[in-house]
Amino acid sequence: MKPLMVYTALRLGVFVVAYVLLWLVFGRYIDGLAIAMLAIVVTAVVSFVAFRRQGRQAGESLQLVRLAWRRRLESIRAAEDIDDDEPIAPGSPNAAPATSEEPDRPERTADR
C-alpha cells in the first residue's frame, strides 16, 4: 500500500501547485471552481507523463492486495464447505427443528 500512498501524495501535491499557480495567473478573471477544474486537467496530464512508474507500482500494489483478499475469501469458503459436509445428529443443538408435513392452520368452527 505504500506505493499507492506515494502516488496519491504526488498527485495531490501537483494539484495544489497547479491550483495555486492558476489562481495567481487567472484568479482575477476566473472563479475558483473553474480554476480547480483546470488544475485537475493539468494534474492528470502531469501525472500521466511524469508519474507513470509510480502509477504502475500503485496498480501492482492494489493487485497484490486484491489477490490476498481473494485467497482469504476462498479459504473461508473452503472452511465453510468442510463444516457443511459433516453430518448433524438429530438431537444436537445445531440440528434443525422437526416440522410436520402440513403447515399449522387455524381450526374451523362449526358456526358457519
Foldseek 3Di string as FASTA:
>chain_A
DVLLVVLVVVLVVQLVVQLVVCCVVCVVPDPSVVSSVVSNVVSVVCCVPPVVVSVVVSVVVVVVVVVVVVVVVVVVVVVVVVVVPDDDDCPDPPHDDDDDPDDDDDDDDPPD
